[in-house]
Amino acid sequence: MKITITSIGLADWISDQEPNYPSLEECKLWIINNMKKIKTQYKFSKEDEDEIKMLLYYIPMNHLMNKNIYSQYLEDTLLIETP
């Protein structure tokens, strides 16, 4: 199995930080610290940085969309009149 920044749990860690999502630099430090435990010769790549940026963009957006959908569902459910 190839070890990637996603396979060591970066997306979960970012998601767990809600509502104070980490910065790019905090993510880099987290990755370096966790990769050192697995691979002593880990080198941070441009692809890693691009993946972090993508996660930092889409995870908060996903949380917001889920909250809006859930809120709308609750609103619709509570407005249903029972006979």
N, C-alpha and C. Protein backbone atom coordinates (compact mmCIF):
# COMPACT_ATOMS: atom_id res chain seq x y z
N MET A 1 0.84 -1.18 0.00
CA MET A 1 0.00 0.00 0.00
C MET A 1 0.89 1.25 0.00
N LYS A 2 0.59 2.16 -0.89
CA LYS A 2 1.35 3.40 -0.96
C LYS A 2 0.90 4.34 0.16
N ILE A 3 1.83 4.88 0.86
CA ILE A 3 1.51 5.80 1.96
C ILE A 3 1.43 7.21 1.39
N THR A 4 0.27 7.83 1.56
CA THR A 4 0.05 9.19 1.09
C THR A 4 -0.42 10.04 2.25
N ILE A 5 -0.49 11.34 2.01
CA ILE A 5 -0.94 12.22 3.11
C ILE A 5 -2.40 11.95 3.47
N THR A 6 -3.17 11.44 2.52
CA THR A 6 -4.56 11.12 2.82
C THR A 6 -4.64 9.82 3.62
N SER A 7 -3.78 8.87 3.28
CA SER A 7 -3.83 7.58 3.97
C SER A 7 -3.39 7.66 5.42
N ILE A 8 -2.68 8.72 5.80
CA ILE A 8 -2.29 8.86 7.21
C ILE A 8 -3.31 9.67 8.00
N GLY A 9 -4.41 10.07 7.35
CA GLY A 9 -5.51 10.71 8.06
C GLY A 9 -5.58 12.22 8.01
N LEU A 10 -4.94 12.83 7.04
CA LEU A 10 -4.96 14.30 6.97
C LEU A 10 -6.37 14.84 6.83
N ALA A 11 -7.17 14.26 5.94
CA ALA A 11 -8.53 14.76 5.73
C ALA A 11 -9.35 14.67 7.02
N ASP A 12 -9.21 13.57 7.75
CA ASP A 12 -9.93 13.42 9.02
C ASP A 12 -9.46 14.46 10.03
N TRP A 13 -8.15 14.69 10.08
CA TRP A 13 -7.61 15.67 11.02
C TRP A 13 -8.13 17.07 10.69
N ILE A 14 -8.14 17.43 9.41
CA ILE A 14 -8.66 18.75 9.01
C ILE A 14 -10.13 18.86 9.39
N SER A 15 -10.89 17.82 9.08
CA SER A 15 -12.32 17.82 9.37
C SER A 15 -12.59 17.96 10.87
N ASP A 16 -11.78 17.30 11.68
CA ASP A 16 -11.95 17.36 13.14
C ASP A 16 -11.67 18.74 13.72
N GLN A 17 -11.00 19.60 12.97
CA GLN A 17 -10.65 20.93 13.46
C GLN A 17 -11.79 21.94 13.32
N GLU A 18 -12.89 21.53 12.69
CA GLU A 18 -14.01 22.45 12.46
C GLU A 18 -14.42 23.11 13.77
N PRO A 19 -14.70 24.36 13.85
CA PRO A 19 -14.80 25.37 12.80
C PRO A 19 -13.48 26.11 12.56
N ASN A 20 -12.43 25.77 13.30
CA ASN A 20 -11.14 26.45 13.15
C ASN A 20 -10.20 25.60 12.33
N TYR A 21 -10.44 25.56 11.04
CA TYR A 21 -9.63 24.72 10.16
C TYR A 21 -8.17 25.18 10.18
N PRO A 22 -7.26 24.22 10.05
CA PRO A 22 -5.83 24.58 10.09
C PRO A 22 -5.39 25.31 8.82
N SER A 23 -4.27 25.98 8.94
CA SER A 23 -3.67 26.67 7.78
C SER A 23 -2.85 25.66 6.98
N LEU A 24 -2.40 26.10 5.83
CA LEU A 24 -1.54 25.27 4.99
C LEU A 24 -0.27 24.89 5.75
N GLU A 25 0.31 25.84 6.46
CA GLU A 25 1.54 25.57 7.22
C GLU A 25 1.30 24.58 8.35
N GLU A 26 0.17 24.70 9.04
CA GLU A 26 -0.15 23.74 10.11
C GLU A 26 -0.32 22.34 9.53
N CYS A 27 -0.93 22.24 8.37
CA CYS A 27 -1.09 20.95 7.71
C CYS A 27 0.26 20.36 7.33
N LYS A 28 1.14 21.20 6.81
CA LYS A 28 2.47 20.72 6.43
C LYS A 28 3.20 20.16 7.65
N LEU A 29 3.14 20.88 8.77
CA LEU A 29 3.80 20.40 9.99
C LEU A 29 3.19 19.08 10.47
N TRP A 30 1.87 18.98 10.39
CA TRP A 30 1.19 17.76 10.81
C TRP A 30 1.65 16.58 9.96
N ILE A 31 1.72 16.81 8.65
CA ILE A 31 2.14 15.75 7.72
C ILE A 31 3.58 15.34 8.01
N ILE A 32 4.46 16.31 8.13
CA ILE A 32 5.88 16.00 8.37
C ILE A 32 6.05 15.21 9.66
N ASN A 33 5.36 15.62 10.72
CA ASN A 33 5.46 14.92 12.00
C ASN A 33 4.93 13.49 11.91
N ASN A 34 3.81 13.31 11.21
CA ASN A 34 3.23 11.98 11.10
C ASN A 34 3.98 11.09 10.12
N MET A 35 4.49 11.66 9.06
CA MET A 35 5.25 10.86 8.09
C MET A 35 6.59 10.42 8.67
N LYS A 36 7.18 11.23 9.54
CA LYS A 36 8.45 10.85 10.16
C LYS A 36 8.29 9.58 10.99
N LYS A 37 7.09 9.37 11.53
CA LYS A 37 6.83 8.16 12.31
C LYS A 37 6.80 6.92 11.41
N ILE A 38 6.43 7.13 10.15
CA ILE A 38 6.28 6.02 9.21
C ILE A 38 7.49 5.90 8.29
N LYS A 39 7.88 7.02 7.71
CA LYS A 39 9.01 7.06 6.77
C LYS A 39 10.02 8.07 7.28
N THR A 40 11.19 7.62 7.60
CA THR A 40 12.19 8.55 8.13
C THR A 40 12.76 9.46 7.05
N GLN A 41 12.67 9.07 5.78
CA GLN A 41 13.23 9.85 4.69
C GLN A 41 12.15 10.61 3.91
N TYR A 42 11.06 10.97 4.52
CA TYR A 42 9.96 11.63 3.81
C TYR A 42 10.37 13.03 3.35
N LYS A 43 10.04 13.33 2.11
CA LYS A 43 10.27 14.68 1.56
C LYS A 43 8.93 15.21 1.06
N PHE A 44 8.61 16.41 1.50
CA PHE A 44 7.36 17.06 1.13
C PHE A 44 7.42 17.45 -0.34
N SER A 45 6.35 17.14 -1.10
CA SER A 45 6.35 17.41 -2.54
C SER A 45 5.32 18.47 -2.92
N LYS A 46 5.43 18.95 -4.14
CA LYS A 46 4.47 19.91 -4.69
C LYS A 46 3.09 19.27 -4.77
N GLU A 47 3.02 17.97 -5.09
CA GLU A 47 1.75 17.25 -5.14
C GLU A 47 1.08 17.21 -3.77
N ASP A 48 1.90 17.05 -2.73
CA ASP A 48 1.37 17.07 -1.36
C ASP A 48 0.74 18.43 -1.06
N GLU A 49 1.44 19.49 -1.43
CA GLU A 49 0.92 20.83 -1.19
C GLU A 49 -0.38 21.07 -1.95
N ASP A 50 -0.45 20.61 -3.19
CA ASP A 50 -1.68 20.76 -3.98
C ASP A 50 -2.83 19.98 -3.35
N GLU A 51 -2.53 18.80 -2.84
CA GLU A 51 -3.57 18.00 -2.20
C GLU A 51 -4.07 18.67 -0.93
N ILE A 52 -3.18 19.25 -0.16
CA ILE A 52 -3.58 19.97 1.06
C ILE A 52 -4.49 21.14 0.69
N LYS A 53 -4.10 21.90 -0.30
CA LYS A 53 -4.92 23.05 -0.73
C LYS A 53 -6.31 22.60 -1.15
N MET A 54 -6.36 21.48 -1.87
CA MET A 54 -7.66 20.96 -2.29
C MET A 54 -8.50 20.56 -1.08
N LEU A 55 -7.89 19.87 -0.11
CA LEU A 55 -8.62 19.47 1.09
C LEU A 55 -9.09 20.68 1.89
N LEU A 56 -8.22 21.69 2.01
CA LEU A 56 -8.59 22.89 2.77
C LEU A 56 -9.71 23.67 2.08
N TYR A 57 -9.86 23.49 0.79
CA TYR A 57 -10.93 24.16 0.05
C TYR A 57 -12.23 23.37 0.14
N TYR A 58 -12.16 22.05 -0.09
CA TYR A 58 -13.39 21.26 -0.20
C TYR A 58 -13.97 20.76 1.13
N ILE A 59 -13.15 20.50 2.13
CA ILE A 59 -13.71 20.00 3.39
C ILE A 59 -14.62 21.04 4.05
N PRO A 60 -14.19 22.30 4.21
CA PRO A 60 -15.11 23.28 4.80
C PRO A 60 -16.37 23.49 3.95
N MET A 61 -16.21 23.47 2.62
CA MET A 61 -17.36 23.63 1.75
C MET A 61 -18.32 22.45 1.92
N ASN A 62 -17.79 21.25 2.04
CA ASN A 62 -18.62 20.07 2.26
C ASN A 62 -19.37 20.17 3.58
N HIS A 63 -18.71 20.60 4.63
CA HIS A 63 -19.38 20.76 5.93
C HIS A 63 -20.53 21.77 5.83
N LEU A 64 -20.27 22.88 5.15
CA LEU A 64 -21.30 23.90 5.00
C LEU A 64 -22.50 23.38 4.21
N MET A 65 -22.22 22.67 3.12
CA MET A 65 -23.32 22.11 2.33
C MET A 65 -24.12 21.10 3.14
N ASN A 66 -23.45 20.26 3.90
CA ASN A 66 -24.16 19.28 4.72
C ASN A 66 -25.02 19.95 5.78
N LYS A 67 -24.51 21.01 6.38
CA LYS A 67 -25.29 21.74 7.38
C LYS A 67 -26.53 22.36 6.74
N ASN A 68 -26.38 22.92 5.55
CA ASN A 68 -27.52 23.52 4.86
C ASN A 68 -28.56 22.48 4.49
N ILE A 69 -28.11 21.33 4.01
CA ILE A 69 -29.04 20.26 3.65
C ILE A 69 -29.76 19.76 4.90
N TYR A 70 -29.02 19.53 5.98
CA TYR A 70 -29.61 19.05 7.21
C TYR A 70 -30.59 20.07 7.79
N SER A 71 -30.22 21.34 7.72
CA SER A 71 -31.09 22.41 8.21
C SER A 71 -32.40 22.44 7.42
N GLN A 72 -32.28 22.32 6.10
CA GLN A 72 -33.48 22.32 5.25
C GLN A 72 -34.35 21.09 5.56
N TYR A 73 -33.71 19.95 5.77
CA TYR A 73 -34.43 18.73 6.11
C TYR A 73 -35.20 18.91 7.41
N LEU A 74 -34.54 19.48 8.43
CA LEU A 74 -35.21 19.70 9.71
C LEU A 74 -36.37 20.68 9.57
N GLU A 75 -36.13 21.73 8.81
CA GLU A 75 -37.20 22.71 8.57
C GLU A 75 -38.40 22.05 7.91
N ASP A 76 -38.16 21.28 6.88
CA ASP A 76 -39.24 20.59 6.16
C ASP A 76 -39.94 19.59 7.06
N THR A 77 -39.19 18.89 7.89
CA THR A 77 -39.76 17.89 8.77
C THR A 77 -40.61 18.53 9.85
N LEU A 78 -40.14 19.63 10.40
CA LEU A 78 -40.87 20.27 11.49
C LEU A 78 -42.11 21.01 10.99
N LEU A 79 -42.12 21.38 9.72
CA LEU A 79 -43.27 22.10 9.16
C LEU A 79 -44.39 21.17 8.70
N ILE A 80 -44.12 19.88 8.66
CA ILE A 80 -45.15 18.91 8.25
C ILE A 80 -46.18 18.81 9.38
N GLU A 81 -47.44 19.05 8.98
CA GLU A 81 -48.49 18.96 9.99
C GLU A 81 -48.98 17.52 10.08
N THR A 82 -49.21 17.08 11.30
CA THR A 82 -49.72 15.72 11.50
C THR A 82 -51.23 15.79 11.62
N PRO A 83 -51.91 14.81 11.07
CA PRO A 83 -53.39 14.84 11.12
C PRO A 83 -53.94 14.58 12.51
